[in-house]
Amino acid sequence: MTILFVIIAVIALSIALHLLWAWRNIHKNPHVEPAHIAIPDTEPYLSQLISEISNIAGVNSPALFVCRAQLPNAFVVATIMRAEIFVTDELLEAANDRQDRLNYLIRVICHEIAHLKNKDSIRLGLLTYIANLAGFLKLRMVENKCNQLITKIEQRAHLTADQLFEEVTLLLDENR
């Protein structure tokens, strides 16, 4: 029993240290820039939008970063100290190409802030890490279970984002 506890503690500590290392190093990636540098014309508007959505959600407003990537994507990283939203340049480009570009961006931001409201960041990070490790080690049952849990978290964030989106669009309609 004691050996099992020690093994679990060592695994948990190594995962936590690896996630901390990844969080610290994401800003050293040459493909990640603060939004005020990457998109200086749009950053004030997006930051204001993030601030308003965060206020509605009852969470602290996260910092905004832009990543150069080949796929449209967004994700949030939250630690005890602060939260950060990362959007890819491809996501911004995809939004620009859409007729509903503002609603598209609002929905994406609402989804990421929903993860903050639901306190999903650490859970998602751990589950993703374990799922990837299990996939590498060919532990399909563990990988599948983690992916099922990740899907549930994403579904809950989607429901929360829908509620946030409704509140944000009402607020925007009132201000027009």
N, C-alpha and C. Protein backbone atom coordinates (compact mmCIF):
# COMPACT_ATOMS: atom_id res chain seq x y z
N MET A 1 0.82 -1.19 0.00
CA MET A 1 0.00 0.00 0.00
C MET A 1 0.87 1.26 0.00
N THR A 2 1.92 1.28 0.82
CA THR A 2 2.81 2.43 0.88
C THR A 2 3.56 2.61 -0.43
N ILE A 3 3.97 1.52 -1.06
CA ILE A 3 4.70 1.60 -2.33
C ILE A 3 3.79 2.18 -3.41
N LEU A 4 2.54 1.74 -3.42
CA LEU A 4 1.59 2.25 -4.41
C LEU A 4 1.39 3.76 -4.22
N PHE A 5 1.26 4.20 -2.97
CA PHE A 5 1.11 5.62 -2.69
C PHE A 5 2.33 6.41 -3.18
N VAL A 6 3.52 5.90 -2.94
CA VAL A 6 4.75 6.57 -3.37
C VAL A 6 4.81 6.65 -4.90
N ILE A 7 4.45 5.56 -5.57
CA ILE A 7 4.45 5.55 -7.04
C ILE A 7 3.48 6.59 -7.58
N ILE A 8 2.27 6.63 -7.03
CA ILE A 8 1.27 7.61 -7.47
C ILE A 8 1.74 9.03 -7.20
N ALA A 9 2.34 9.25 -6.04
CA ALA A 9 2.85 10.59 -5.70
C ALA A 9 3.96 11.03 -6.64
N VAL A 10 4.86 10.11 -6.97
CA VAL A 10 5.96 10.44 -7.89
C VAL A 10 5.41 10.75 -9.29
N ILE A 11 4.45 9.95 -9.74
CA ILE A 11 3.85 10.20 -11.06
C ILE A 11 3.14 11.55 -11.07
N ALA A 12 2.36 11.84 -10.04
CA ALA A 12 1.63 13.11 -9.97
C ALA A 12 2.60 14.29 -9.94
N LEU A 13 3.68 14.16 -9.17
CA LEU A 13 4.66 15.23 -9.09
C LEU A 13 5.36 15.44 -10.43
N SER A 14 5.71 14.35 -11.11
CA SER A 14 6.39 14.49 -12.40
C SER A 14 5.46 15.12 -13.44
N ILE A 15 4.18 14.76 -13.42
CA ILE A 15 3.22 15.37 -14.35
C ILE A 15 3.08 16.87 -14.04
N ALA A 16 2.94 17.21 -12.77
CA ALA A 16 2.80 18.62 -12.39
C ALA A 16 4.03 19.42 -12.80
N LEU A 17 5.21 18.87 -12.58
CA LEU A 17 6.44 19.57 -12.97
C LEU A 17 6.54 19.73 -14.48
N HIS A 18 6.14 18.70 -15.21
CA HIS A 18 6.17 18.79 -16.67
C HIS A 18 5.20 19.85 -17.18
N LEU A 19 4.00 19.92 -16.62
CA LEU A 19 3.04 20.93 -17.03
C LEU A 19 3.53 22.34 -16.68
N LEU A 20 4.14 22.49 -15.52
CA LEU A 20 4.72 23.78 -15.14
C LEU A 20 5.83 24.18 -16.11
N TRP A 21 6.68 23.23 -16.45
CA TRP A 21 7.75 23.49 -17.42
C TRP A 21 7.17 23.91 -18.77
N ALA A 22 6.13 23.22 -19.22
CA ALA A 22 5.50 23.55 -20.50
C ALA A 22 4.90 24.95 -20.46
N TRP A 23 4.23 25.31 -19.36
CA TRP A 23 3.63 26.63 -19.23
C TRP A 23 4.71 27.71 -19.27
N ARG A 24 5.79 27.49 -18.56
CA ARG A 24 6.87 28.50 -18.55
C ARG A 24 7.52 28.65 -19.93
N ASN A 25 7.63 27.56 -20.67
CA ASN A 25 8.34 27.60 -21.94
C ASN A 25 7.48 28.03 -23.13
N ILE A 26 6.17 28.06 -22.97
CA ILE A 26 5.33 28.44 -24.10
C ILE A 26 5.64 29.87 -24.55
N HIS A 27 6.02 30.72 -23.61
CA HIS A 27 6.32 32.11 -23.96
C HIS A 27 7.69 32.28 -24.62
N LYS A 28 8.52 31.27 -24.52
CA LYS A 28 9.82 31.32 -25.17
C LYS A 28 9.75 30.86 -26.63
N ASN A 29 8.59 30.32 -27.02
CA ASN A 29 8.41 29.84 -28.38
C ASN A 29 8.38 31.04 -29.32
N PRO A 30 9.20 31.03 -30.37
CA PRO A 30 9.22 32.18 -31.29
C PRO A 30 7.92 32.37 -32.06
N HIS A 31 7.02 31.40 -32.01
CA HIS A 31 5.75 31.51 -32.71
C HIS A 31 4.63 32.05 -31.83
N VAL A 32 4.96 32.45 -30.60
CA VAL A 32 3.97 32.99 -29.67
C VAL A 32 4.35 34.43 -29.34
N GLU A 33 3.37 35.33 -29.53
CA GLU A 33 3.61 36.73 -29.24
C GLU A 33 2.43 37.32 -28.48
N PRO A 34 2.70 38.28 -27.61
CA PRO A 34 1.57 38.99 -27.00
C PRO A 34 0.74 39.65 -28.10
N ALA A 35 -0.55 39.73 -27.91
CA ALA A 35 -1.44 40.24 -28.95
C ALA A 35 -1.12 41.68 -29.34
N HIS A 36 -0.67 42.49 -28.37
CA HIS A 36 -0.39 43.90 -28.71
C HIS A 36 0.77 44.03 -29.69
N ILE A 37 1.59 43.00 -29.81
CA ILE A 37 2.68 42.99 -30.79
C ILE A 37 2.23 42.30 -32.08
N ALA A 38 1.55 41.16 -31.94
CA ALA A 38 1.16 40.36 -33.11
C ALA A 38 0.04 41.01 -33.92
N ILE A 39 -0.93 41.58 -33.24
CA ILE A 39 -2.08 42.19 -33.94
C ILE A 39 -2.39 43.56 -33.31
N PRO A 40 -1.52 44.53 -33.48
CA PRO A 40 -1.69 45.81 -32.78
C PRO A 40 -2.99 46.56 -33.12
N ASP A 41 -3.49 46.38 -34.34
CA ASP A 41 -4.72 47.08 -34.72
C ASP A 41 -5.97 46.50 -34.07
N THR A 42 -6.00 45.20 -33.89
CA THR A 42 -7.19 44.53 -33.37
C THR A 42 -7.11 44.23 -31.87
N GLU A 43 -5.93 44.26 -31.32
CA GLU A 43 -5.74 43.87 -29.92
C GLU A 43 -6.60 44.66 -28.95
N PRO A 44 -6.69 45.99 -29.06
CA PRO A 44 -7.52 46.70 -28.08
C PRO A 44 -8.98 46.23 -28.08
N TYR A 45 -9.52 45.99 -29.27
CA TYR A 45 -10.90 45.54 -29.36
C TYR A 45 -11.05 44.14 -28.77
N LEU A 46 -10.15 43.21 -29.13
CA LEU A 46 -10.25 41.84 -28.61
C LEU A 46 -10.04 41.82 -27.10
N SER A 47 -9.09 42.60 -26.60
CA SER A 47 -8.86 42.65 -25.15
C SER A 47 -10.07 43.19 -24.41
N GLN A 48 -10.72 44.22 -24.98
CA GLN A 48 -11.94 44.75 -24.38
C GLN A 48 -13.05 43.70 -24.38
N LEU A 49 -13.17 42.98 -25.49
CA LEU A 49 -14.17 41.92 -25.60
C LEU A 49 -13.89 40.82 -24.56
N ILE A 50 -12.65 40.42 -24.43
CA ILE A 50 -12.27 39.40 -23.44
C ILE A 50 -12.57 39.90 -22.04
N SER A 51 -12.28 41.16 -21.78
CA SER A 51 -12.54 41.74 -20.46
C SER A 51 -14.05 41.73 -20.14
N GLU A 52 -14.87 42.10 -21.11
CA GLU A 52 -16.32 42.11 -20.89
C GLU A 52 -16.88 40.71 -20.69
N ILE A 53 -16.41 39.76 -21.49
CA ILE A 53 -16.89 38.38 -21.34
C ILE A 53 -16.43 37.81 -19.99
N SER A 54 -15.20 38.12 -19.61
CA SER A 54 -14.69 37.65 -18.31
C SER A 54 -15.50 38.23 -17.17
N ASN A 55 -15.86 39.50 -17.29
CA ASN A 55 -16.66 40.16 -16.26
C ASN A 55 -18.02 39.47 -16.12
N ILE A 56 -18.64 39.17 -17.26
CA ILE A 56 -19.93 38.47 -17.24
C ILE A 56 -19.79 37.08 -16.61
N ALA A 57 -18.66 36.41 -16.91
CA ALA A 57 -18.43 35.06 -16.38
C ALA A 57 -18.00 35.07 -14.92
N GLY A 58 -17.58 36.23 -14.43
CA GLY A 58 -17.13 36.32 -13.04
C GLY A 58 -15.73 35.78 -12.82
N VAL A 59 -14.87 35.93 -13.84
CA VAL A 59 -13.48 35.48 -13.73
C VAL A 59 -12.57 36.65 -14.06
N ASN A 60 -11.31 36.56 -13.64
CA ASN A 60 -10.33 37.57 -14.00
C ASN A 60 -10.05 37.52 -15.49
N SER A 61 -9.86 38.67 -16.08
CA SER A 61 -9.63 38.75 -17.52
C SER A 61 -8.25 38.19 -17.87
N PRO A 62 -8.20 37.20 -18.77
CA PRO A 62 -6.90 36.62 -19.14
C PRO A 62 -6.16 37.49 -20.14
N ALA A 63 -4.84 37.33 -20.18
CA ALA A 63 -4.02 38.00 -21.18
C ALA A 63 -4.22 37.29 -22.52
N LEU A 64 -4.02 38.02 -23.61
CA LEU A 64 -4.23 37.47 -24.94
C LEU A 64 -2.90 37.32 -25.67
N PHE A 65 -2.68 36.13 -26.25
CA PHE A 65 -1.48 35.84 -27.02
C PHE A 65 -1.88 35.27 -28.37
N VAL A 66 -1.04 35.49 -29.37
CA VAL A 66 -1.29 34.97 -30.71
C VAL A 66 -0.16 34.00 -31.06
N CYS A 67 -0.54 32.84 -31.59
CA CYS A 67 0.41 31.81 -32.02
C CYS A 67 0.35 31.69 -33.53
N ARG A 68 1.49 31.56 -34.15
CA ARG A 68 1.50 31.23 -35.58
C ARG A 68 1.34 29.72 -35.67
N ALA A 69 0.32 29.30 -36.42
CA ALA A 69 0.04 27.87 -36.55
C ALA A 69 -0.68 27.64 -37.88
N GLN A 70 -0.77 26.38 -38.27
CA GLN A 70 -1.41 26.05 -39.54
C GLN A 70 -2.88 25.69 -39.40
N LEU A 71 -3.39 25.63 -38.18
CA LEU A 71 -4.79 25.29 -37.96
C LEU A 71 -5.46 26.38 -37.13
N PRO A 72 -6.74 26.66 -37.40
CA PRO A 72 -7.46 27.59 -36.54
C PRO A 72 -7.72 26.93 -35.18
N ASN A 73 -7.27 27.58 -34.12
CA ASN A 73 -7.42 26.99 -32.80
C ASN A 73 -7.33 28.08 -31.75
N ALA A 74 -7.84 27.77 -30.58
CA ALA A 74 -7.70 28.63 -29.41
C ALA A 74 -7.64 27.73 -28.19
N PHE A 75 -6.92 28.18 -27.18
CA PHE A 75 -6.87 27.42 -25.93
C PHE A 75 -6.55 28.38 -24.80
N VAL A 76 -6.86 27.93 -23.61
CA VAL A 76 -6.61 28.74 -22.42
C VAL A 76 -5.65 27.98 -21.52
N VAL A 77 -4.76 28.72 -20.89
CA VAL A 77 -3.85 28.16 -19.91
C VAL A 77 -4.04 28.97 -18.63
N ALA A 78 -4.36 28.29 -17.56
CA ALA A 78 -4.59 29.00 -16.30
C ALA A 78 -3.73 28.39 -15.21
N THR A 79 -3.12 29.26 -14.45
CA THR A 79 -2.36 28.84 -13.28
C THR A 79 -2.93 29.59 -12.08
N ILE A 80 -2.36 29.37 -10.94
CA ILE A 80 -2.80 30.08 -9.75
C ILE A 80 -2.57 31.57 -9.93
N MET A 81 -1.50 31.93 -10.64
CA MET A 81 -1.14 33.34 -10.78
C MET A 81 -1.98 34.09 -11.80
N ARG A 82 -2.22 33.50 -12.98
CA ARG A 82 -2.97 34.20 -14.01
C ARG A 82 -3.43 33.23 -15.09
N ALA A 83 -4.32 33.75 -15.93
CA ALA A 83 -4.81 32.97 -17.06
C ALA A 83 -4.42 33.66 -18.35
N GLU A 84 -4.29 32.86 -19.40
CA GLU A 84 -3.91 33.39 -20.71
C GLU A 84 -4.71 32.66 -21.78
N ILE A 85 -5.19 33.43 -22.75
CA ILE A 85 -5.86 32.85 -23.91
C ILE A 85 -4.91 32.95 -25.09
N PHE A 86 -4.78 31.84 -25.81
CA PHE A 86 -3.94 31.78 -27.00
C PHE A 86 -4.85 31.53 -28.19
N VAL A 87 -4.74 32.36 -29.21
CA VAL A 87 -5.47 32.15 -30.46
C VAL A 87 -4.43 32.06 -31.57
N THR A 88 -4.72 31.24 -32.55
CA THR A 88 -3.77 31.12 -33.66
C THR A 88 -4.09 32.18 -34.71
N ASP A 89 -3.07 32.54 -35.46
CA ASP A 89 -3.28 33.49 -36.55
C ASP A 89 -4.25 32.92 -37.57
N GLU A 90 -4.26 31.61 -37.72
CA GLU A 90 -5.21 30.97 -38.64
C GLU A 90 -6.66 31.12 -38.16
N LEU A 91 -6.87 31.12 -36.86
CA LEU A 91 -8.22 31.34 -36.33
C LEU A 91 -8.67 32.76 -36.64
N LEU A 92 -7.79 33.73 -36.45
CA LEU A 92 -8.13 35.12 -36.76
C LEU A 92 -8.39 35.29 -38.25
N GLU A 93 -7.60 34.61 -39.07
CA GLU A 93 -7.79 34.65 -40.52
C GLU A 93 -9.13 34.01 -40.91
N ALA A 94 -9.45 32.88 -40.28
CA ALA A 94 -10.72 32.20 -40.56
C ALA A 94 -11.89 33.09 -40.16
N ALA A 95 -11.77 33.78 -39.02
CA ALA A 95 -12.83 34.68 -38.59
C ALA A 95 -13.01 35.82 -39.59
N ASN A 96 -11.90 36.31 -40.09
CA ASN A 96 -11.94 37.42 -41.05
C ASN A 96 -12.62 37.02 -42.35
N ASP A 97 -12.52 35.74 -42.71
CA ASP A 97 -13.10 35.24 -43.95
C ASP A 97 -14.59 34.91 -43.83
N ARG A 98 -15.11 34.93 -42.62
CA ARG A 98 -16.51 34.54 -42.40
C ARG A 98 -17.42 35.76 -42.41
N GLN A 99 -18.66 35.53 -42.79
CA GLN A 99 -19.65 36.59 -42.77
C GLN A 99 -20.01 36.98 -41.33
N ASP A 100 -20.02 35.99 -40.44
CA ASP A 100 -20.37 36.22 -39.03
C ASP A 100 -19.13 36.36 -38.16
N ARG A 101 -18.11 37.04 -38.67
CA ARG A 101 -16.79 37.08 -38.01
C ARG A 101 -16.85 37.48 -36.55
N LEU A 102 -17.64 38.51 -36.21
CA LEU A 102 -17.70 38.94 -34.82
C LEU A 102 -18.32 37.86 -33.93
N ASN A 103 -19.45 37.31 -34.34
CA ASN A 103 -20.08 36.24 -33.55
C ASN A 103 -19.17 35.03 -33.43
N TYR A 104 -18.45 34.71 -34.50
CA TYR A 104 -17.51 33.58 -34.48
C TYR A 104 -16.44 33.80 -33.41
N LEU A 105 -15.83 34.98 -33.41
CA LEU A 105 -14.80 35.28 -32.40
C LEU A 105 -15.38 35.30 -30.99
N ILE A 106 -16.56 35.88 -30.85
CA ILE A 106 -17.19 35.93 -29.53
C ILE A 106 -17.44 34.51 -29.02
N ARG A 107 -17.94 33.63 -29.89
CA ARG A 107 -18.19 32.24 -29.47
C ARG A 107 -16.90 31.54 -29.05
N VAL A 108 -15.83 31.74 -29.81
CA VAL A 108 -14.55 31.11 -29.46
C VAL A 108 -14.06 31.62 -28.11
N ILE A 109 -14.11 32.93 -27.92
CA ILE A 109 -13.64 33.51 -26.65
C ILE A 109 -14.54 33.06 -25.50
N CYS A 110 -15.85 33.02 -25.73
CA CYS A 110 -16.76 32.53 -24.68
C CYS A 110 -16.42 31.10 -24.28
N HIS A 111 -16.10 30.27 -25.25
CA HIS A 111 -15.75 28.88 -24.95
C HIS A 111 -14.49 28.81 -24.07
N GLU A 112 -13.48 29.59 -24.43
CA GLU A 112 -12.25 29.55 -23.64
C GLU A 112 -12.46 30.12 -22.24
N ILE A 113 -13.23 31.18 -22.13
CA ILE A 113 -13.51 31.75 -20.82
C ILE A 113 -14.42 30.82 -20.01
N ALA A 114 -15.26 30.05 -20.69
CA ALA A 114 -16.07 29.04 -20.00
C ALA A 114 -15.16 28.02 -19.30
N HIS A 115 -14.04 27.68 -19.93
CA HIS A 115 -13.09 26.78 -19.26
C HIS A 115 -12.55 27.41 -17.98
N LEU A 116 -12.31 28.72 -18.01
CA LEU A 116 -11.85 29.40 -16.79
C LEU A 116 -12.95 29.39 -15.73
N LYS A 117 -14.16 29.72 -16.14
CA LYS A 117 -15.29 29.74 -15.21
C LYS A 117 -15.50 28.36 -14.57
N ASN A 118 -15.36 27.32 -15.38
CA ASN A 118 -15.56 25.95 -14.88
C ASN A 118 -14.32 25.36 -14.22
N LYS A 119 -13.23 26.14 -14.19
CA LYS A 119 -11.95 25.70 -13.59
C LYS A 119 -11.45 24.39 -14.22
N ASP A 120 -11.45 24.37 -15.56
CA ASP A 120 -11.10 23.16 -16.31
C ASP A 120 -9.61 23.04 -16.64
N SER A 121 -8.86 24.11 -16.55
CA SER A 121 -7.52 24.15 -17.12
C SER A 121 -6.61 23.04 -16.59
N ILE A 122 -6.52 22.90 -15.30
CA ILE A 122 -5.61 21.90 -14.73
C ILE A 122 -6.10 20.49 -15.05
N ARG A 123 -7.42 20.27 -14.91
CA ARG A 123 -7.98 18.95 -15.25
C ARG A 123 -7.71 18.58 -16.70
N LEU A 124 -7.98 19.53 -17.60
CA LEU A 124 -7.75 19.26 -19.03
C LEU A 124 -6.27 19.00 -19.31
N GLY A 125 -5.41 19.79 -18.68
CA GLY A 125 -3.97 19.59 -18.87
C GLY A 125 -3.52 18.21 -18.41
N LEU A 126 -3.97 17.82 -17.23
CA LEU A 126 -3.60 16.50 -16.71
C LEU A 126 -4.18 15.37 -17.55
N LEU A 127 -5.45 15.49 -17.89
CA LEU A 127 -6.08 14.42 -18.69
C LEU A 127 -5.45 14.31 -20.07
N THR A 128 -5.13 15.43 -20.68
CA THR A 128 -4.47 15.40 -22.00
C THR A 128 -3.09 14.77 -21.89
N TYR A 129 -2.37 15.16 -20.86
CA TYR A 129 -1.03 14.60 -20.65
C TYR A 129 -1.11 13.08 -20.46
N ILE A 130 -2.02 12.64 -19.60
CA ILE A 130 -2.16 11.20 -19.32
C ILE A 130 -2.63 10.46 -20.57
N ALA A 131 -3.58 11.05 -21.31
CA ALA A 131 -4.08 10.41 -22.54
C ALA A 131 -2.95 10.25 -23.55
N ASN A 132 -2.14 11.28 -23.71
CA ASN A 132 -1.01 11.19 -24.65
C ASN A 132 0.02 10.16 -24.20
N LEU A 133 0.31 10.15 -22.91
CA LEU A 133 1.25 9.16 -22.38
C LEU A 133 0.69 7.75 -22.54
N ALA A 134 -0.59 7.57 -22.24
CA ALA A 134 -1.22 6.26 -22.38
C ALA A 134 -1.22 5.81 -23.84
N GLY A 135 -1.45 6.75 -24.75
CA GLY A 135 -1.41 6.42 -26.18
C GLY A 135 -0.02 5.98 -26.60
N PHE A 136 0.99 6.69 -26.09
CA PHE A 136 2.38 6.33 -26.39
C PHE A 136 2.73 4.94 -25.86
N LEU A 137 2.21 4.64 -24.66
CA LEU A 137 2.49 3.35 -24.02
C LEU A 137 1.50 2.27 -24.46
N LYS A 138 0.61 2.59 -25.39
CA LYS A 138 -0.39 1.66 -25.92
C LYS A 138 -1.33 1.13 -24.84
N LEU A 139 -1.66 1.99 -23.88
CA LEU A 139 -2.63 1.67 -22.83
C LEU A 139 -3.99 2.23 -23.27
N ARG A 140 -4.63 1.53 -24.19
CA ARG A 140 -5.83 2.04 -24.85
C ARG A 140 -6.99 2.30 -23.90
N MET A 141 -7.17 1.47 -22.88
CA MET A 141 -8.28 1.69 -21.93
C MET A 141 -8.10 3.00 -21.19
N VAL A 142 -6.89 3.27 -20.75
CA VAL A 142 -6.60 4.52 -20.03
C VAL A 142 -6.77 5.71 -20.97
N GLU A 143 -6.23 5.58 -22.17
CA GLU A 143 -6.34 6.66 -23.17
C GLU A 143 -7.81 6.95 -23.48
N ASN A 144 -8.61 5.92 -23.71
CA ASN A 144 -10.03 6.09 -24.02
C ASN A 144 -10.80 6.75 -22.87
N LYS A 145 -10.51 6.32 -21.65
CA LYS A 145 -11.20 6.89 -20.48
C LYS A 145 -10.85 8.37 -20.34
N CYS A 146 -9.59 8.72 -20.53
CA CYS A 146 -9.18 10.13 -20.45
C CYS A 146 -9.88 10.93 -21.54
N ASN A 147 -9.94 10.39 -22.75
CA ASN A 147 -10.59 11.10 -23.85
C ASN A 147 -12.09 11.27 -23.60
N GLN A 148 -12.71 10.29 -22.96
CA GLN A 148 -14.13 10.43 -22.61
C GLN A 148 -14.32 11.56 -21.59
N LEU A 149 -13.44 11.63 -20.61
CA LEU A 149 -13.52 12.69 -19.61
C LEU A 149 -13.27 14.06 -20.24
N ILE A 150 -12.32 14.13 -21.16
CA ILE A 150 -12.03 15.38 -21.87
C ILE A 150 -13.26 15.81 -22.66
N THR A 151 -13.92 14.88 -23.32
CA THR A 151 -15.12 15.19 -24.09
C THR A 151 -16.21 15.75 -23.19
N LYS A 152 -16.40 15.18 -21.99
CA LYS A 152 -17.39 15.68 -21.05
C LYS A 152 -17.07 17.11 -20.61
N ILE A 153 -15.81 17.37 -20.34
CA ILE A 153 -15.38 18.72 -19.94
C ILE A 153 -15.65 19.71 -21.07
N GLU A 154 -15.34 19.31 -22.30
CA GLU A 154 -15.57 20.19 -23.46
C GLU A 154 -17.06 20.44 -23.67
N GLN A 155 -17.89 19.42 -23.46
CA GLN A 155 -19.33 19.60 -23.61
C GLN A 155 -19.87 20.56 -22.56
N ARG A 156 -19.39 20.44 -21.34
CA ARG A 156 -19.83 21.35 -20.28
C ARG A 156 -19.38 22.78 -20.58
N ALA A 157 -18.16 22.94 -21.09
CA ALA A 157 -17.67 24.27 -21.47
C ALA A 157 -18.51 24.85 -22.60
N HIS A 158 -18.94 23.99 -23.51
CA HIS A 158 -19.77 24.46 -24.62
C HIS A 158 -21.11 24.99 -24.11
N LEU A 159 -21.72 24.30 -23.16
CA LEU A 159 -22.98 24.76 -22.58
C LEU A 159 -22.79 26.09 -21.85
N THR A 160 -21.72 26.20 -21.08
CA THR A 160 -21.42 27.45 -20.38
C THR A 160 -21.17 28.56 -21.38
N ALA A 161 -20.45 28.26 -22.46
CA ALA A 161 -20.16 29.26 -23.50
C ALA A 161 -21.44 29.74 -24.16
N ASP A 162 -22.39 28.84 -24.38
CA ASP A 162 -23.67 29.25 -24.96
C ASP A 162 -24.37 30.27 -24.07
N GLN A 163 -24.34 30.03 -22.76
CA GLN A 163 -24.96 30.98 -21.82
C GLN A 163 -24.22 32.32 -21.85
N LEU A 164 -22.90 32.28 -21.86
CA LEU A 164 -22.11 33.51 -21.92
C LEU A 164 -22.40 34.27 -23.22
N PHE A 165 -22.47 33.53 -24.32
CA PHE A 165 -22.71 34.15 -25.62
C PHE A 165 -24.03 34.90 -25.62
N GLU A 166 -25.06 34.29 -25.05
CA GLU A 166 -26.37 34.96 -24.98
C GLU A 166 -26.28 36.27 -24.20
N GLU A 167 -25.59 36.23 -23.06
CA GLU A 167 -25.46 37.43 -22.24
C GLU A 167 -24.64 38.51 -22.95
N VAL A 168 -23.57 38.09 -23.63
CA VAL A 168 -22.72 39.04 -24.33
C VAL A 168 -23.47 39.69 -25.49
N THR A 169 -24.19 38.90 -26.26
CA THR A 169 -24.91 39.47 -27.40
C THR A 169 -26.02 40.41 -26.92
N LEU A 170 -26.66 40.11 -25.80
CA LEU A 170 -27.65 41.03 -25.24
C LEU A 170 -26.98 42.35 -24.85
N LEU A 171 -25.82 42.26 -24.22
CA LEU A 171 -25.08 43.45 -23.82
C LEU A 171 -24.66 44.27 -25.04
N LEU A 172 -24.17 43.59 -26.07
CA LEU A 172 -23.76 44.30 -27.29
C LEU A 172 -24.95 44.95 -27.99
N ASP A 173 -26.10 44.27 -28.01
CA ASP A 173 -27.30 44.85 -28.61
C ASP A 173 -27.76 46.09 -27.87
N GLU A 174 -27.65 46.07 -26.53
CA GLU A 174 -28.04 47.22 -25.73
C GLU A 174 -27.13 48.42 -26.00
N ASN A 175 -25.85 48.17 -26.28
CA ASN A 175 -24.89 49.25 -26.50
C ASN A 175 -24.92 49.82 -27.90
N ARG A 176 -25.68 49.18 -28.81
CA ARG A 176 -25.72 49.67 -30.20
C ARG A 176 -26.70 50.77 -30.37
